[in-house]
Amino acid sequence: MEWGHADRQGDVRLCVSELATNAVLHAVPPGREFCLSVVADGSLLRVEVRDSGDGHPRVLYPGTEECRGRGLLLVTSVADDFGVVVHNPGKTVWAEFKSD
């Protein structure tokens, strides 16, 4: 990656995909969009997805027979930190990655 986080490239891509997909599927009301930001500051890279939808994302632990619901579980497994900032309207869901 151009920002010096090549060691975390797969993790960052996975989290961008999961957070953006969650926004599209669960949090963006019809006629609205979401915003993806990626910010690097030294050894820290932060991915943020802001939407205007209701609800608060939560990590699920689906059974082995379930076909869905593992996105945020994956994010929390590979990111160094994860959180949600509530806005009115909407929220920002973020994940952070530290580089070696």
C-alpha atoms as a PDB file:
ATOM      1  CA  MET A   1       0.000   0.000   0.000  1.00  0.00           C
ATOM      2  CA  GLU A   2       1.235   3.456  -0.809  1.00  0.00           C
ATOM      3  CA  TRP A   3       0.756   4.704   2.751  1.00  0.00           C
ATOM      4  CA  GLY A   4       3.297   2.325   4.278  1.00  0.00           C
ATOM      5  CA  HIS A   5       0.877  -0.321   5.567  1.00  0.00           C
ATOM      6  CA  ALA A   6       1.650  -3.113   3.094  1.00  0.00           C
ATOM      7  CA  ASP A   7       1.806  -5.635   5.934  1.00  0.00           C
ATOM      8  CA  ARG A   8      -1.919  -5.025   6.654  1.00  0.00           C
ATOM      9  CA  GLN A   9      -3.189  -4.712   3.066  1.00  0.00           C
ATOM     10  CA  GLY A  10      -5.434  -7.796   3.178  1.00  0.00           C
ATOM     11  CA  ASP A  11      -6.900  -6.838   6.560  1.00  0.00           C
ATOM     12  CA  VAL A  12      -7.649  -3.277   5.423  1.00  0.00           C
ATOM     13  CA  ARG A  13      -9.294  -4.449   2.191  1.00  0.00           C
ATOM     14  CA  LEU A  14     -11.461  -6.950   4.056  1.00  0.00           C
ATOM     15  CA  CYS A  15     -12.643  -4.305   6.524  1.00  0.00           C
ATOM     16  CA  VAL A  16     -13.340  -1.712   3.830  1.00  0.00           C
ATOM     17  CA  SER A  17     -15.450  -4.297   2.026  1.00  0.00           C
ATOM     18  CA  GLU A  18     -17.348  -5.386   5.131  1.00  0.00           C
ATOM     19  CA  LEU A  19     -18.031  -1.880   6.472  1.00  0.00           C
ATOM     20  CA  ALA A  20     -19.139  -0.564   3.078  1.00  0.00           C
ATOM     21  CA  THR A  21     -21.335  -3.612   2.471  1.00  0.00           C
ATOM     22  CA  ASN A  22     -22.968  -3.210   5.884  1.00  0.00           C
ATOM     23  CA  ALA A  23     -23.720   0.431   5.125  1.00  0.00           C
ATOM     24  CA  VAL A  24     -25.351  -0.460   1.805  1.00  0.00           C
ATOM     25  CA  LEU A  25     -27.339  -3.426   3.144  1.00  0.00           C
ATOM     26  CA  HIS A  26     -28.368  -2.146   6.571  1.00  0.00           C
ATOM     27  CA  ALA A  27     -27.832   1.559   7.066  1.00  0.00           C
ATOM     28  CA  VAL A  28     -28.397   3.699   3.988  1.00  0.00           C
ATOM     29  CA  PRO A  29     -32.000   4.841   3.572  1.00  0.00           C
ATOM     30  CA  PRO A  30     -33.300   4.998  -0.017  1.00  0.00           C
ATOM     31  CA  GLY A  31     -32.028   8.061  -1.866  1.00  0.00           C
ATOM     32  CA  ARG A  32     -29.028   8.543   0.421  1.00  0.00           C
ATOM     33  CA  GLU A  33     -25.379   7.562   0.207  1.00  0.00           C
ATOM     34  CA  PHE A  34     -22.533   6.625   2.525  1.00  0.00           C
ATOM     35  CA  CYS A  35     -19.031   8.051   2.817  1.00  0.00           C
ATOM     36  CA  LEU A  36     -15.822   6.009   3.027  1.00  0.00           C
ATOM     37  CA  SER A  37     -12.674   7.632   4.449  1.00  0.00           C
ATOM     38  CA  VAL A  38      -9.197   6.163   4.823  1.00  0.00           C
ATOM     39  CA  VAL A  39      -6.741   8.200   6.873  1.00  0.00           C
ATOM     40  CA  ALA A  40      -3.101   7.381   7.609  1.00  0.00           C
ATOM     41  CA  ASP A  41      -1.211   9.017  10.461  1.00  0.00           C
ATOM     42  CA  GLY A  42       2.244   7.583  10.970  1.00  0.00           C
ATOM     43  CA  SER A  43       1.935   3.920  11.892  1.00  0.00           C
ATOM     44  CA  LEU A  44      -1.874   4.117  12.254  1.00  0.00           C
ATOM     45  CA  LEU A  45      -4.376   3.675   9.427  1.00  0.00           C
ATOM     46  CA  ARG A  46      -8.081   4.317  10.074  1.00  0.00           C
ATOM     47  CA  VAL A  47     -10.997   3.257   7.874  1.00  0.00           C
ATOM     48  CA  GLU A  48     -14.324   5.050   8.464  1.00  0.00           C
ATOM     49  CA  VAL A  49     -17.737   4.505   6.899  1.00  0.00           C
ATOM     50  CA  ARG A  50     -20.351   7.153   7.673  1.00  0.00           C
ATOM     51  CA  ASP A  51     -24.031   6.646   6.903  1.00  0.00           C
ATOM     52  CA  SER A  52     -27.303   8.344   7.778  1.00  0.00           C
ATOM     53  CA  GLY A  53     -29.225   5.252   8.827  1.00  0.00           C
ATOM     54  CA  ASP A  54     -30.702   4.290  12.162  1.00  0.00           C
ATOM     55  CA  GLY A  55     -29.505   1.473  14.342  1.00  0.00           C
ATOM     56  CA  HIS A  56     -26.273   0.573  16.010  1.00  0.00           C
ATOM     57  CA  PRO A  57     -24.014  -2.096  14.496  1.00  0.00           C
ATOM     58  CA  ARG A  58     -23.271  -5.038  16.721  1.00  0.00           C
ATOM     59  CA  VAL A  59     -21.005  -8.028  16.440  1.00  0.00           C
ATOM     60  CA  LEU A  60     -22.982 -11.235  15.935  1.00  0.00           C
ATOM     61  CA  TYR A  61     -21.889 -14.793  16.606  1.00  0.00           C
ATOM     62  CA  PRO A  62     -23.963 -16.827  14.141  1.00  0.00           C
ATOM     63  CA  GLY A  63     -24.177 -20.594  14.238  1.00  0.00           C
ATOM     64  CA  THR A  64     -22.373 -22.762  11.732  1.00  0.00           C
ATOM     65  CA  GLU A  65     -25.559 -23.185   9.691  1.00  0.00           C
ATOM     66  CA  GLU A  66     -26.083 -19.414   9.259  1.00  0.00           C
ATOM     67  CA  CYS A  67     -25.080 -17.942   5.886  1.00  0.00           C
ATOM     68  CA  ARG A  68     -24.854 -14.318   7.071  1.00  0.00           C
ATOM     69  CA  GLY A  69     -23.920 -12.155  10.021  1.00  0.00           C
ATOM     70  CA  ARG A  70     -20.140 -12.549  10.265  1.00  0.00           C
ATOM     71  CA  GLY A  71     -19.027  -9.188   8.833  1.00  0.00           C
ATOM     72  CA  LEU A  72     -18.328  -7.284  12.034  1.00  0.00           C
ATOM     73  CA  LEU A  73     -16.952 -10.427  13.656  1.00  0.00           C
ATOM     74  CA  LEU A  74     -14.370 -10.513  10.857  1.00  0.00           C
ATOM     75  CA  VAL A  75     -13.641  -6.799  11.289  1.00  0.00           C
ATOM     76  CA  THR A  76     -13.062  -7.135  15.035  1.00  0.00           C
ATOM     77  CA  SER A  77     -10.876 -10.191  14.421  1.00  0.00           C
ATOM     78  CA  VAL A  78      -8.437  -8.514  12.019  1.00  0.00           C
ATOM     79  CA  ALA A  79      -8.511  -4.823  13.035  1.00  0.00           C
ATOM     80  CA  ASP A  80      -6.530  -3.540  16.010  1.00  0.00           C
ATOM     81  CA  ASP A  81      -9.475  -1.441  17.175  1.00  0.00           C
ATOM     82  CA  PHE A  82     -13.106  -0.935  16.172  1.00  0.00           C
ATOM     83  CA  GLY A  83     -15.883   1.398  17.189  1.00  0.00           C
ATOM     84  CA  VAL A  84     -18.948   3.446  16.372  1.00  0.00           C
ATOM     85  CA  VAL A  85     -19.530   7.200  16.692  1.00  0.00           C
ATOM     86  CA  VAL A  86     -23.213   8.194  16.719  1.00  0.00           C
ATOM     87  CA  HIS A  87     -24.325  11.294  14.776  1.00  0.00           C
ATOM     88  CA  ASN A  88     -27.697  12.865  14.184  1.00  0.00           C
ATOM     89  CA  PRO A  89     -28.546  11.431  11.737  1.00  0.00           C
ATOM     90  CA  GLY A  90     -26.534   8.267  11.361  1.00  0.00           C
ATOM     91  CA  LYS A  91     -23.194   7.031  12.563  1.00  0.00           C
ATOM     92  CA  THR A  92     -19.569   6.431  11.655  1.00  0.00           C
ATOM     93  CA  VAL A  93     -18.278   2.867  11.958  1.00  0.00           C
ATOM     94  CA  TRP A  94     -14.481   2.707  12.073  1.00  0.00           C
ATOM     95  CA  ALA A  95     -11.596   0.255  12.245  1.00  0.00           C
ATOM     96  CA  GLU A  96      -7.938   0.985  12.955  1.00  0.00           C
ATOM     97  CA  PHE A  97      -4.782  -0.814  11.903  1.00  0.00           C
ATOM     98  CA  LYS A  98      -1.284  -0.439  13.290  1.00  0.00           C
ATOM     99  CA  SER A  99       1.703  -1.011  11.042  1.00  0.00           C
ATOM    100  CA  ASP A 100       4.946  -2.642  12.122  1.00  0.00           C
END
